[in-house]
PDB file of N, CA and C in Angstrom:
ATOM      1  N   MET A   1     158.004 -50.220-171.554  1.00  0.00           N
ATOM      2  CA  MET A   1     159.361 -50.721-170.573  1.00  0.00           C
ATOM      3  C   MET A   1     158.630 -51.675-169.436  1.00  0.00           C
ATOM      4  N   HIS A   2     158.933 -53.027-169.585  1.00  0.00           N
ATOM      5  CA  HIS A   2     158.599 -54.056-168.600  1.00  0.00           C
ATOM      6  C   HIS A   2     159.334 -53.911-167.299  1.00  0.00           C
ATOM      7  N   GLU A   3     160.435 -53.349-167.555  1.00  0.00           N
ATOM      8  CA  GLU A   3     161.557 -53.536-166.522  1.00  0.00           C
ATOM      9  C   GLU A   3     160.912 -52.466-165.419  1.00  0.00           C
ATOM     10  N   THR A   4     160.124 -51.345-165.459  1.00  0.00           N
ATOM     11  CA  THR A   4     159.455 -50.619-164.506  1.00  0.00           C
ATOM     12  C   THR A   4     158.553 -51.226-163.668  1.00  0.00           C
ATOM     13  N   GLY A   5     157.844 -52.192-164.391  1.00  0.00           N
ATOM     14  CA  GLY A   5     156.775 -53.131-163.487  1.00  0.00           C
ATOM     15  C   GLY A   5     157.559 -54.109-162.669  1.00  0.00           C
ATOM     16  N   ILE A   6     158.831 -54.509-163.018  1.00  0.00           N
ATOM     17  CA  ILE A   6     159.713 -56.000-162.654  1.00  0.00           C
ATOM     18  C   ILE A   6     160.456 -55.016-161.476  1.00  0.00           C
ATOM     19  N   VAL A   7     160.802 -53.932-161.480  1.00  0.00           N
ATOM     20  CA  VAL A   7     161.283 -53.044-160.280  1.00  0.00           C
ATOM     21  C   VAL A   7     160.305 -52.831-159.126  1.00  0.00           C
ATOM     22  N   GLN A   8     159.208 -52.502-159.647  1.00  0.00           N
ATOM     23  CA  GLN A   8     157.992 -52.172-158.848  1.00  0.00           C
ATOM     24  C   GLN A   8     157.401 -53.499-157.731  1.00  0.00           C
ATOM     25  N   GLU A   9     157.784 -54.456-158.628  1.00  0.00           N
ATOM     26  CA  GLU A   9     157.186 -55.940-158.090  1.00  0.00           C
ATOM     27  C   GLU A   9     158.579 -56.331-157.131  1.00  0.00           C
ATOM     28  N   ILE A  10     159.753 -55.829-157.307  1.00  0.00           N
ATOM     29  CA  ILE A  10     160.441 -56.384-156.704  1.00  0.00           C
ATOM     30  C   ILE A  10     160.724 -55.605-154.830  1.00  0.00           C
ATOM     31  N   PHE A  11     160.157 -54.102-155.357  1.00  0.00           N
ATOM     32  CA  PHE A  11     160.093 -53.545-153.941  1.00  0.00           C
ATOM     33  C   PHE A  11     158.707 -54.131-153.061  1.00  0.00           C
ATOM     34  N   GLU A  12     157.469 -54.517-154.100  1.00  0.00           N
ATOM     35  CA  GLU A  12     156.653 -55.262-153.208  1.00  0.00           C
ATOM     36  C   GLU A  12     157.030 -56.174-152.806  1.00  0.00           C
ATOM     37  N   THR A  13     157.742 -56.998-153.380  1.00  0.00           N
ATOM     38  CA  THR A  13     158.030 -58.516-152.697  1.00  0.00           C
ATOM     39  C   THR A  13     159.005 -58.282-151.464  1.00  0.00           C
ATOM     40  N   LEU A  14     159.705 -57.111-151.446  1.00  0.00           N
ATOM     41  CA  LEU A  14     160.771 -56.951-150.293  1.00  0.00           C
ATOM     42  C   LEU A  14     159.988 -56.733-149.246  1.00  0.00           C
ATOM     43  N   GLN A  15     158.534 -55.487-149.624  1.00  0.00           N
ATOM     44  CA  GLN A  15     158.136 -55.271-148.468  1.00  0.00           C
ATOM     45  C   GLN A  15     157.284 -56.470-147.668  1.00  0.00           C
ATOM     46  N   GLN A  16     156.918 -57.186-148.572  1.00  0.00           N
ATOM     47  CA  GLN A  16     156.129 -58.027-147.886  1.00  0.00           C
ATOM     48  C   GLN A  16     157.090 -59.361-146.994  1.00  0.00           C
ATOM     49  N   GLU A  17     157.940 -59.793-147.756  1.00  0.00           N
ATOM     50  CA  GLU A  17     159.071 -60.540-147.092  1.00  0.00           C
ATOM     51  C   GLU A  17     159.704 -59.859-146.023  1.00  0.00           C
ATOM     52  N   TYR A  18     159.881 -58.654-145.847  1.00  0.00           N
ATOM     53  CA  TYR A  18     160.751 -58.056-144.693  1.00  0.00           C
ATOM     54  C   TYR A  18     159.878 -56.717-144.316  1.00  0.00           C
ATOM     55  N   PRO A  19     159.012 -56.824-143.548  1.00  0.00           N
ATOM     56  CA  PRO A  19     158.180 -55.747-143.342  1.00  0.00           C
ATOM     57  C   PRO A  19     158.730 -54.689-142.484  1.00  0.00           C
ATOM     58  N   SER A  20     159.645 -55.362-141.376  1.00  0.00           N
ATOM     59  CA  SER A  20     160.052 -54.406-140.310  1.00  0.00           C
ATOM     60  C   SER A  20     161.257 -53.910-140.603  1.00  0.00           C
ATOM     61  N   ARG A  21     162.011 -54.527-141.530  1.00  0.00           N
ATOM     62  CA  ARG A  21     163.525 -54.223-142.033  1.00  0.00           C
ATOM     63  C   ARG A  21     163.510 -53.519-143.445  1.00  0.00           C
ATOM     64  N   TYR A  22     162.082 -53.622-143.672  1.00  0.00           N
ATOM     65  CA  TYR A  22     161.794 -52.701-145.364  1.00  0.00           C
ATOM     66  C   TYR A  22     162.711 -51.634-145.512  1.00  0.00           C
ATOM     67  N   SER A  23     162.738 -50.344-144.635  1.00  0.00           N
ATOM     68  CA  SER A  23     163.374 -49.178-144.736  1.00  0.00           C
ATOM     69  C   SER A  23     164.629 -49.425-144.326  1.00  0.00           C
ATOM     70  N   SER A  24     165.394 -50.429-144.132  1.00  0.00           N
ATOM     71  CA  SER A  24     166.725 -50.398-143.844  1.00  0.00           C
ATOM     72  C   SER A  24     167.413 -51.293-145.058  1.00  0.00           C
ATOM     73  N   ILE A  25     166.920 -51.547-146.118  1.00  0.00           N
ATOM     74  CA  ILE A  25     167.687 -52.110-147.284  1.00  0.00           C
ATOM     75  C   ILE A  25     168.545 -51.175-147.696  1.00  0.00           C
ATOM     76  N   VAL A  26     169.803 -51.505-148.020  1.00  0.00           N
ATOM     77  CA  VAL A  26     170.903 -50.558-148.598  1.00  0.00           C
ATOM     78  C   VAL A  26     171.370 -51.039-149.959  1.00  0.00           C
ATOM     79  N   LYS A  27     171.040 -52.391-150.323  1.00  0.00           N
ATOM     80  CA  LYS A  27     171.411 -53.158-151.639  1.00  0.00           C
ATOM     81  C   LYS A  27     170.922 -54.397-151.751  1.00  0.00           C
ATOM     82  N   ILE A  28     170.212 -54.569-153.219  1.00  0.00           N
ATOM     83  CA  ILE A  28     169.781 -55.365-153.653  1.00  0.00           C
ATOM     84  C   ILE A  28     170.607 -56.154-154.834  1.00  0.00           C
ATOM     85  N   GLN A  29     170.515 -57.596-154.723  1.00  0.00           N
ATOM     86  CA  GLN A  29     171.318 -58.015-155.989  1.00  0.00           C
ATOM     87  C   GLN A  29     170.595 -58.828-156.581  1.00  0.00           C
ATOM     88  N   LEU A  30     170.406 -58.772-157.779  1.00  0.00           N
ATOM     89  CA  LEU A  30     169.630 -59.516-158.650  1.00  0.00           C
ATOM     90  C   LEU A  30     170.210 -60.535-159.593  1.00  0.00           C
ATOM     91  N   GLU A  31     169.384 -61.793-159.946  1.00  0.00           N
ATOM     92  CA  GLU A  31     170.410 -62.566-160.624  1.00  0.00           C
ATOM     93  C   GLU A  31     169.349 -62.732-161.722  1.00  0.00           C
ATOM     94  N   ALA A  32     169.853 -62.739-162.990  1.00  0.00           N
ATOM     95  CA  ALA A  32     169.140 -62.164-164.596  1.00  0.00           C
ATOM     96  C   ALA A  32     169.908 -63.400-165.538  1.00  0.00           C
ATOM     97  N   GLY A  33     168.969 -64.578-165.648  1.00  0.00           N
ATOM     98  CA  GLY A  33     169.588 -65.464-166.939  1.00  0.00           C
ATOM     99  C   GLY A  33     169.603 -64.676-168.406  1.00  0.00           C
ATOM    100  N   LEU A  34     170.360 -64.989-169.107  1.00  0.00           N
ATOM    101  CA  LEU A  34     170.557 -64.339-170.218  1.00  0.00           C
ATOM    102  C   LEU A  34     169.232 -64.439-171.360  1.00  0.00           C
ATOM    103  N   LEU A  35     168.448 -65.787-170.986  1.00  0.00           N
ATOM    104  CA  LEU A  35     166.992 -65.695-171.530  1.00  0.00           C
ATOM    105  C   LEU A  35     165.799 -65.124-171.174  1.00  0.00           C
ATOM    106  N   SER A  36     166.068 -64.359-170.090  1.00  0.00           N
ATOM    107  CA  SER A  36     164.913 -63.813-169.335  1.00  0.00           C
ATOM    108  C   SER A  36     164.774 -62.631-169.956  1.00  0.00           C
ATOM    109  N   ASN A  37     164.881 -61.922-170.840  1.00  0.00           N
ATOM    110  CA  ASN A  37     164.711 -60.938-171.425  1.00  0.00           C
ATOM    111  C   ASN A  37     165.194 -59.531-170.849  1.00  0.00           C
ATOM    112  N   ILE A  38     165.848 -59.547-169.433  1.00  0.00           N
ATOM    113  CA  ILE A  38     165.870 -58.371-168.856  1.00  0.00           C
ATOM    114  C   ILE A  38     167.384 -57.885-169.301  1.00  0.00           C
ATOM    115  N   GLN A  39     167.371 -56.543-169.602  1.00  0.00           N
ATOM    116  CA  GLN A  39     168.676 -55.893-169.842  1.00  0.00           C
ATOM    117  C   GLN A  39     169.058 -55.032-168.901  1.00  0.00           C
ATOM    118  N   PRO A  40     170.227 -55.420-168.142  1.00  0.00           N
ATOM    119  CA  PRO A  40     170.711 -54.869-167.037  1.00  0.00           C
ATOM    120  C   PRO A  40     170.621 -53.281-167.124  1.00  0.00           C
ATOM    121  N   ILE A  41     171.190 -52.595-167.991  1.00  0.00           N
ATOM    122  CA  ILE A  41     170.858 -51.363-168.142  1.00  0.00           C
ATOM    123  C   ILE A  41     169.792 -50.929-167.972  1.00  0.00           C
ATOM    124  N   LEU A  42     168.542 -51.451-168.560  1.00  0.00           N
ATOM    125  CA  LEU A  42     167.290 -51.140-168.806  1.00  0.00           C
ATOM    126  C   LEU A  42     166.827 -51.050-167.189  1.00  0.00           C
ATOM    127  N   ILE A  43     167.093 -52.015-166.321  1.00  0.00           N
ATOM    128  CA  ILE A  43     166.508 -52.607-165.329  1.00  0.00           C
ATOM    129  C   ILE A  43     167.107 -51.399-164.616  1.00  0.00           C
ATOM    130  N   GLN A  44     168.488 -51.111-164.391  1.00  0.00           N
ATOM    131  CA  GLN A  44     169.174 -49.957-163.656  1.00  0.00           C
ATOM    132  C   GLN A  44     168.498 -48.850-163.913  1.00  0.00           C
ATOM    133  N   ASN A  45     168.093 -48.434-164.954  1.00  0.00           N
ATOM    134  CA  ASN A  45     167.706 -47.109-165.227  1.00  0.00           C
ATOM    135  C   ASN A  45     166.187 -47.014-164.844  1.00  0.00           C
ATOM    136  N   ALA A  46     165.503 -48.148-164.870  1.00  0.00           N
ATOM    137  CA  ALA A  46     164.004 -48.078-163.952  1.00  0.00           C
ATOM    138  C   ALA A  46     164.079 -47.930-162.750  1.00  0.00           C
ATOM    139  N   PHE A  47     165.201 -48.902-162.001  1.00  0.00           N
ATOM    140  CA  PHE A  47     165.395 -49.135-160.655  1.00  0.00           C
ATOM    141  C   PHE A  47     165.763 -47.607-160.213  1.00  0.00           C
ATOM    142  N   GLU A  48     166.427 -46.584-161.098  1.00  0.00           N
ATOM    143  CA  GLU A  48     166.825 -45.280-160.466  1.00  0.00           C
ATOM    144  C   GLU A  48     165.674 -44.361-160.886  1.00  0.00           C
ATOM    145  N   ALA A  49     164.936 -44.353-161.876  1.00  0.00           N
ATOM    146  CA  ALA A  49     163.447 -43.821-161.912  1.00  0.00           C
ATOM    147  C   ALA A  49     162.503 -44.308-160.365  1.00  0.00           C
ATOM    148  N   TYR A  50     162.320 -45.340-160.538  1.00  0.00           N
ATOM    149  CA  TYR A  50     161.861 -45.318-159.236  1.00  0.00           C
ATOM    150  C   TYR A  50     162.259 -44.929-157.575  1.00  0.00           C
ATOM    151  N   VAL A  51     163.359 -44.928-157.583  1.00  0.00           N
ATOM    152  CA  VAL A  51     164.099 -44.543-156.176  1.00  0.00           C
ATOM    153  C   VAL A  51     163.944 -42.857-156.461  1.00  0.00           C
ATOM    154  N   ILE A  52     163.825 -42.270-157.655  1.00  0.00           N
ATOM    155  CA  ILE A  52     163.443 -40.802-157.511  1.00  0.00           C
ATOM    156  C   ILE A  52     162.011 -40.268-157.033  1.00  0.00           C
ATOM    157  N   ASP A  53     161.179 -41.319-157.197  1.00  0.00           N
ATOM    158  CA  ASP A  53     159.562 -41.091-156.487  1.00  0.00           C
ATOM    159  C   ASP A  53     159.635 -41.569-155.407  1.00  0.00           C
ATOM    160  N   GLU A  54     160.705 -42.458-154.559  1.00  0.00           N
ATOM    161  CA  GLU A  54     160.508 -43.078-153.318  1.00  0.00           C
ATOM    162  C   GLU A  54     161.675 -42.645-152.689  1.00  0.00           C
ATOM    163  N   PRO A  55     161.890 -40.965-152.299  1.00  0.00           N
ATOM    164  CA  PRO A  55     163.006 -40.793-151.759  1.00  0.00           C
ATOM    165  C   PRO A  55     164.082 -41.488-150.586  1.00  0.00           C
ATOM    166  N   GLY A  56     162.944 -42.197-150.008  1.00  0.00           N
ATOM    167  CA  GLY A  56     163.742 -42.986-149.042  1.00  0.00           C
ATOM    168  C   GLY A  56     164.534 -44.100-149.109  1.00  0.00           C
ATOM    169  N   PHE A  57     164.234 -44.427-150.384  1.00  0.00           N
ATOM    170  CA  PHE A  57     165.313 -45.570-151.055  1.00  0.00           C
ATOM    171  C   PHE A  57     166.537 -44.815-151.762  1.00  0.00           C
ATOM    172  N   ALA A  58     166.628 -43.738-151.920  1.00  0.00           N
ATOM    173  CA  ALA A  58     167.668 -42.847-152.663  1.00  0.00           C
ATOM    174  C   ALA A  58     169.172 -43.463-152.433  1.00  0.00           C
ATOM    175  N   HIS A  59     169.118 -44.006-151.293  1.00  0.00           N
ATOM    176  CA  HIS A  59     170.538 -44.568-150.859  1.00  0.00           C
ATOM    177  C   HIS A  59     170.549 -46.113-151.307  1.00  0.00           C
ATOM    178  N   VAL A  60     169.809 -46.917-151.704  1.00  0.00           N
ATOM    179  CA  VAL A  60     169.804 -48.140-152.084  1.00  0.00           C
ATOM    180  C   VAL A  60     170.524 -48.098-153.379  1.00  0.00           C
ATOM    181  N   GLU A  61     171.193 -49.713-153.733  1.00  0.00           N
ATOM    182  CA  GLU A  61     172.320 -49.940-154.425  1.00  0.00           C
ATOM    183  C   GLU A  61     171.468 -50.988-155.134  1.00  0.00           C
ATOM    184  N   LEU A  62     171.290 -51.091-156.480  1.00  0.00           N
ATOM    185  CA  LEU A  62     171.077 -52.441-157.584  1.00  0.00           C
ATOM    186  C   LEU A  62     172.518 -52.898-157.964  1.00  0.00           C
ATOM    187  N   GLU A  63     172.423 -54.308-157.981  1.00  0.00           N
ATOM    188  CA  GLU A  63     173.398 -54.899-158.665  1.00  0.00           C
ATOM    189  C   GLU A  63     172.781 -56.153-159.077  1.00  0.00           C
ATOM    190  N   VAL A  64     173.071 -56.293-161.001  1.00  0.00           N
ATOM    191  CA  VAL A  64     172.572 -56.974-161.560  1.00  0.00           C
ATOM    192  C   VAL A  64     173.243 -58.145-161.930  1.00  0.00           C
ATOM    193  N   LYS A  65     173.528 -59.345-161.729  1.00  0.00           N
ATOM    194  CA  LYS A  65     174.443 -60.566-162.272  1.00  0.00           C
ATOM    195  C   LYS A  65     173.657 -60.992-163.033  1.00  0.00           C
ATOM    196  N   VAL A  66     174.369 -61.152-164.582  1.00  0.00           N
ATOM    197  CA  VAL A  66     173.972 -61.794-165.482  1.00  0.00           C
ATOM    198  C   VAL A  66     174.333 -63.142-165.449  1.00  0.00           C
ATOM    199  N   LEU A  67     173.242 -64.205-165.579  1.00  0.00           N
ATOM    200  CA  LEU A  67     173.730 -65.708-165.609  1.00  0.00           C
ATOM    201  C   LEU A  67     174.078 -66.095-167.042  1.00  0.00           C
ATOM    202  N   PRO A  68     175.030 -67.076-167.333  1.00  0.00           N
ATOM    203  CA  PRO A  68     174.998 -68.044-168.866  1.00  0.00           C
ATOM    204  C   PRO A  68     173.714 -68.940-168.909  1.00  0.00           C
ATOM    205  N   ILE A  69     173.551 -69.045-169.890  1.00  0.00           N
ATOM    206  CA  ILE A  69     172.622 -70.061-170.353  1.00  0.00           C
ATOM    207  C   ILE A  69     173.283 -71.730-169.999  1.00  0.00           C
ATOM    208  N   HIS A  70     172.798 -72.430-169.202  1.00  0.00           N
ATOM    209  CA  HIS A  70     173.270 -73.769-169.172  1.00  0.00           C
ATOM    210  C   HIS A  70     172.135 -74.869-169.454  1.00  0.00           C
ATOM    211  N   ALA A  71     172.335 -75.786-170.360  1.00  0.00           N
ATOM    212  CA  ALA A  71     171.065 -76.810-170.548  1.00  0.00           C
ATOM    213  C   ALA A  71     171.996 -78.115-169.974  1.00  0.00           C
ATOM    214  N   PHE A  72     171.105 -79.187-169.941  1.00  0.00           N
ATOM    215  CA  PHE A  72     171.423 -80.713-169.730  1.00  0.00           C
ATOM    216  C   PHE A  72     171.067 -81.624-171.028  1.00  0.00           C
ATOM    217  N   CYS A  73     172.233 -82.346-171.196  1.00  0.00           N
ATOM    218  CA  CYS A  73     172.105 -83.287-172.123  1.00  0.00           C
ATOM    219  C   CYS A  73     171.803 -84.618-171.750  1.00  0.00           C
ATOM    220  N   ASN A  74     170.694 -85.074-172.338  1.00  0.00           N
ATOM    221  CA  ASN A  74     169.988 -86.277-171.827  1.00  0.00           C
ATOM    222  C   ASN A  74     170.987 -87.850-172.402  1.00  0.00           C
ATOM    223  N   HIS A  75     171.752 -87.069-173.516  1.00  0.00           N
ATOM    224  CA  HIS A  75     172.352 -87.924-174.111  1.00  0.00           C
ATOM    225  C   HIS A  75     173.579 -88.419-173.284  1.00  0.00           C
ATOM    226  N   CYS A  76     174.402 -87.745-172.763  1.00  0.00           N
ATOM    227  CA  CYS A  76     175.678 -87.850-172.064  1.00  0.00           C
ATOM    228  C   CYS A  76     175.326 -87.685-170.408  1.00  0.00           C
ATOM    229  N   GLN A  77     174.120 -87.073-170.323  1.00  0.00           N
ATOM    230  CA  GLN A  77     174.036 -86.895-168.674  1.00  0.00           C
ATOM    231  C   GLN A  77     174.988 -85.970-168.375  1.00  0.00           C
ATOM    232  N   LYS A  78     175.043 -84.855-169.022  1.00  0.00           N
ATOM    233  CA  LYS A  78     175.902 -83.572-168.201  1.00  0.00           C
ATOM    234  C   LYS A  78     175.521 -82.170-168.469  1.00  0.00           C
ATOM    235  N   ALA A  79     175.705 -81.434-167.972  1.00  0.00           N
ATOM    236  CA  ALA A  79     175.168 -79.996-168.082  1.00  0.00           C
ATOM    237  C   ALA A  79     176.317 -79.401-168.902  1.00  0.00           C
ATOM    238  N   PHE A  80     175.748 -78.514-169.958  1.00  0.00           N
ATOM    239  CA  PHE A  80     176.809 -77.524-170.820  1.00  0.00           C
ATOM    240  C   PHE A  80     176.291 -76.226-170.600  1.00  0.00           C
ATOM    241  N   GLU A  81     177.454 -75.384-170.868  1.00  0.00           N
ATOM    242  CA  GLU A  81     177.029 -73.803-171.074  1.00  0.00           C
ATOM    243  C   GLU A  81     176.483 -73.678-172.598  1.00  0.00           C
ATOM    244  N   VAL A  82     175.660 -73.059-172.922  1.00  0.00           N
ATOM    245  CA  VAL A  82     175.176 -72.855-174.231  1.00  0.00           C
ATOM    246  C   VAL A  82     176.029 -71.511-174.718  1.00  0.00           C
ATOM    247  N   VAL A  83     176.515 -71.645-175.673  1.00  0.00           N
ATOM    248  CA  VAL A  83     177.309 -70.292-176.340  1.00  0.00           C
ATOM    249  C   VAL A  83     176.806 -70.160-177.600  1.00  0.00           C
ATOM    250  N   PHE A  84     176.657 -68.722-177.738  1.00  0.00           N
ATOM    251  CA  PHE A  84     176.122 -68.327-179.112  1.00  0.00           C
ATOM    252  C   PHE A  84     174.923 -68.783-179.343  1.00  0.00           C
ATOM    253  N   HIS A  85     173.938 -68.956-178.449  1.00  0.00           N
ATOM    254  CA  HIS A  85     172.617 -69.681-178.464  1.00  0.00           C
ATOM    255  C   HIS A  85     172.976 -71.142-179.076  1.00  0.00           C
ATOM    256  N   ARG A  86     173.785 -71.781-179.189  1.00  0.00           N
ATOM    257  CA  ARG A  86     174.034 -73.264-179.743  1.00  0.00           C
ATOM    258  C   ARG A  86     173.699 -74.299-178.733  1.00  0.00           C
ATOM    259  N   PHE A  87     172.632 -74.559-178.943  1.00  0.00           N
ATOM    260  CA  PHE A  87     172.196 -75.553-177.605  1.00  0.00           C
ATOM    261  C   PHE A  87     172.602 -76.945-178.057  1.00  0.00           C
ATOM    262  N   VAL A  88     174.045 -76.984-178.321  1.00  0.00           N
ATOM    263  CA  VAL A  88     174.657 -78.335-178.799  1.00  0.00           C
ATOM    264  C   VAL A  88     175.506 -78.564-177.278  1.00  0.00           C
ATOM    265  N   CYS A  89     175.318 -79.878-177.204  1.00  0.00           N
ATOM    266  CA  CYS A  89     176.328 -80.649-175.874  1.00  0.00           C
ATOM    267  C   CYS A  89     177.868 -80.486-176.708  1.00  0.00           C
ATOM    268  N   THR A  90     178.550 -80.686-175.959  1.00  0.00           N
ATOM    269  CA  THR A  90     180.070 -81.174-176.236  1.00  0.00           C
ATOM    270  C   THR A  90     180.140 -82.316-176.683  1.00  0.00           C
ATOM    271  N   CYS A  91     179.413 -83.259-176.319  1.00  0.00           N
ATOM    272  CA  CYS A  91     179.377 -84.813-177.025  1.00  0.00           C
ATOM    273  C   CYS A  91     178.550 -84.405-178.519  1.00  0.00           C
ATOM    274  N   GLY A  92     177.921 -83.400-178.726  1.00  0.00           N
ATOM    275  CA  GLY A  92     177.559 -83.402-180.280  1.00  0.00           C
ATOM    276  C   GLY A  92     176.172 -83.456-180.366  1.00  0.00           C
ATOM    277  N   LYS A  93     175.553 -83.696-179.096  1.00  0.00           N
ATOM    278  CA  LYS A  93     174.090 -83.945-179.441  1.00  0.00           C
ATOM    279  C   LYS A  93     173.307 -82.612-178.965  1.00  0.00           C
ATOM    280  N   PRO A  94     172.141 -82.315-179.632  1.00  0.00           N
ATOM    281  CA  PRO A  94     171.526 -81.115-179.609  1.00  0.00           C
ATOM    282  C   PRO A  94     170.654 -81.423-178.218  1.00  0.00           C
ATOM    283  N   SER A  95     170.083 -80.274-177.315  1.00  0.00           N
ATOM    284  CA  SER A  95     169.356 -80.474-176.216  1.00  0.00           C
ATOM    285  C   SER A  95     168.832 -79.196-175.679  1.00  0.00           C
ATOM    286  N   ASP A  96     167.457 -79.129-175.679  1.00  0.00           N
ATOM    287  CA  ASP A  96     166.594 -77.691-175.396  1.00  0.00           C
ATOM    288  C   ASP A  96     166.357 -77.903-173.790  1.00  0.00           C
ATOM    289  N   GLN A  97     167.342 -78.874-172.902  1.00  0.00           N
ATOM    290  CA  GLN A  97     166.697 -78.685-171.580  1.00  0.00           C
ATOM    291  C   GLN A  97     166.998 -77.837-171.021  1.00  0.00           C
ATOM    292  N   VAL A  98     166.865 -76.343-170.885  1.00  0.00           N
ATOM    293  CA  VAL A  98     167.481 -75.689-170.215  1.00  0.00           C
ATOM    294  C   VAL A  98     167.155 -75.680-168.576  1.00  0.00           C
ATOM    295  N   ILE A  99     168.417 -75.709-167.946  1.00  0.00           N
ATOM    296  CA  ILE A  99     168.523 -75.911-166.322  1.00  0.00           C
ATOM    297  C   ILE A  99     169.019 -74.536-165.717  1.00  0.00           C
ATOM    298  N   GLN A 100     169.376 -73.206-166.350  1.00  0.00           N
ATOM    299  CA  GLN A 100     169.687 -72.151-166.064  1.00  0.00           C
ATOM    300  C   GLN A 100     169.990 -70.996-166.925  1.00  0.00           C
ATOM    301  N   GLY A 101     169.150 -69.759-167.002  1.00  0.00           N
ATOM    302  CA  GLY A 101     169.467 -69.037-167.654  1.00  0.00           C
ATOM    303  C   GLY A 101     167.739 -68.154-168.021  1.00  0.00           C
ATOM    304  N   GLU A 102     166.924 -68.870-167.279  1.00  0.00           N
ATOM    305  CA  GLU A 102     165.628 -68.129-167.666  1.00  0.00           C
ATOM    306  C   GLU A 102     165.132 -67.380-166.215  1.00  0.00           C
ATOM    307  N   GLU A 103     165.833 -67.694-165.559  1.00  0.00           N
ATOM    308  CA  GLU A 103     165.495 -66.975-164.118  1.00  0.00           C
ATOM    309  C   GLU A 103     165.587 -65.553-163.974  1.00  0.00           C
ATOM    310  N   LEU A 104     164.793 -64.921-163.148  1.00  0.00           N
ATOM    311  CA  LEU A 104     164.882 -63.843-162.632  1.00  0.00           C
ATOM    312  C   LEU A 104     164.638 -63.666-161.175  1.00  0.00           C
ATOM    313  N   ARG A 105     165.922 -63.577-160.147  1.00  0.00           N
ATOM    314  CA  ARG A 105     165.628 -63.627-158.853  1.00  0.00           C
ATOM    315  C   ARG A 105     166.297 -62.295-158.000  1.00  0.00           C
ATOM    316  N   ILE A 106     165.789 -62.326-157.058  1.00  0.00           N
ATOM    317  CA  ILE A 106     166.565 -61.592-156.070  1.00  0.00           C
ATOM    318  C   ILE A 106     167.302 -62.595-154.910  1.00  0.00           C
ATOM    319  N   SER A 107     168.583 -62.363-155.430  1.00  0.00           N
ATOM    320  CA  SER A 107     169.486 -63.473-154.889  1.00  0.00           C
ATOM    321  C   SER A 107     169.989 -63.039-153.756  1.00  0.00           C
ATOM    322  N   GLN A 108     170.082 -61.469-153.147  1.00  0.00           N
ATOM    323  CA  GLN A 108     170.986 -61.175-151.781  1.00  0.00           C
ATOM    324  C   GLN A 108     170.438 -59.779-151.614  1.00  0.00           C
ATOM    325  N   VAL A 109     169.860 -59.519-150.392  1.00  0.00           N
ATOM    326  CA  VAL A 109     169.387 -58.377-150.022  1.00  0.00           C
ATOM    327  C   VAL A 109     170.226 -57.874-148.589  1.00  0.00           C
ATOM    328  N   ILE A 110     171.070 -56.649-148.625  1.00  0.00           N
ATOM    329  CA  ILE A 110     171.795 -56.239-147.603  1.00  0.00           C
ATOM    330  C   ILE A 110     170.981 -54.972-146.622  1.00  0.00           C
ATOM    331  N   PHE A 111     171.034 -55.168-145.652  1.00  0.00           N
ATOM    332  CA  PHE A 111     170.101 -54.234-144.564  1.00  0.00           C
ATOM    333  C   PHE A 111     171.427 -53.189-143.866  1.00  0.00           C
ATOM    334  N   LYS A 112     170.902 -52.169-143.414  1.00  0.00           N
ATOM    335  CA  LYS A 112     171.682 -51.246-142.783  1.00  0.00           C
ATOM    336  C   LYS A 112     172.010 -52.005-141.583  1.00  0.00           C
ATOM    337  N   LYS A 113     172.999 -51.735-140.816  1.00  0.00           N
ATOM    338  CA  LYS A 113     173.519 -52.306-139.693  1.00  0.00           C
ATOM    339  C   LYS A 113     172.858 -51.542-138.688  1.00  0.00           C
ATOM    340  N   ASN A 114     171.931 -51.924-137.666  1.00  0.00           N
ATOM    341  CA  ASN A 114     171.479 -51.287-136.704  1.00  0.00           C
ATOM    342  C   ASN A 114     172.287 -51.621-135.331  1.00  0.00           C
ATOM    343  N   ASN A 115     172.540 -50.290-134.787  1.00  0.00           N
ATOM    344  CA  ASN A 115     173.309 -50.190-133.559  1.00  0.00           C
ATOM    345  C   ASN A 115     172.919 -51.068-132.409  1.00  0.00           C
ATOM    346  N   HIS A 116     171.657 -51.356-132.381  1.00  0.00           N
ATOM    347  CA  HIS A 116     170.752 -51.984-131.047  1.00  0.00           C
ATOM    348  C   HIS A 116     170.973 -53.552-131.446  1.00  0.00           C
ATOM    349  N   GLU A 117     171.440 -54.031-132.408  1.00  0.00           N
ATOM    350  CA  GLU A 117     171.271 -55.581-132.970  1.00  0.00           C
ATOM    351  C   GLU A 117     172.738 -56.301-132.283  1.00  0.00           C
TER     352      GLU A 117
END
């Protein structure tokens, strides 16, 4: 299950980006495109397994937001949503120029409020 490795990479990235506030994380929000091969339930399960081994993060919440697939039509110069994996614009022309749907990113990190701030 590659989700376990992804969760580990998420925590490593957060530790590198927020070394002084890393232990204060209370919520992580991910955005995963439909083409990213990420299943929200599997990433959630991998996350829960990870925090069992890291009791300091048992209180951290993970939210996974699934993003639809959007493509760009070179014929009419408009973006359109891909529905049922049909990469055909509303103008009727096919397009394989994906502009959203392949990404997996940390979109938001929420930290515990410190009374001294």
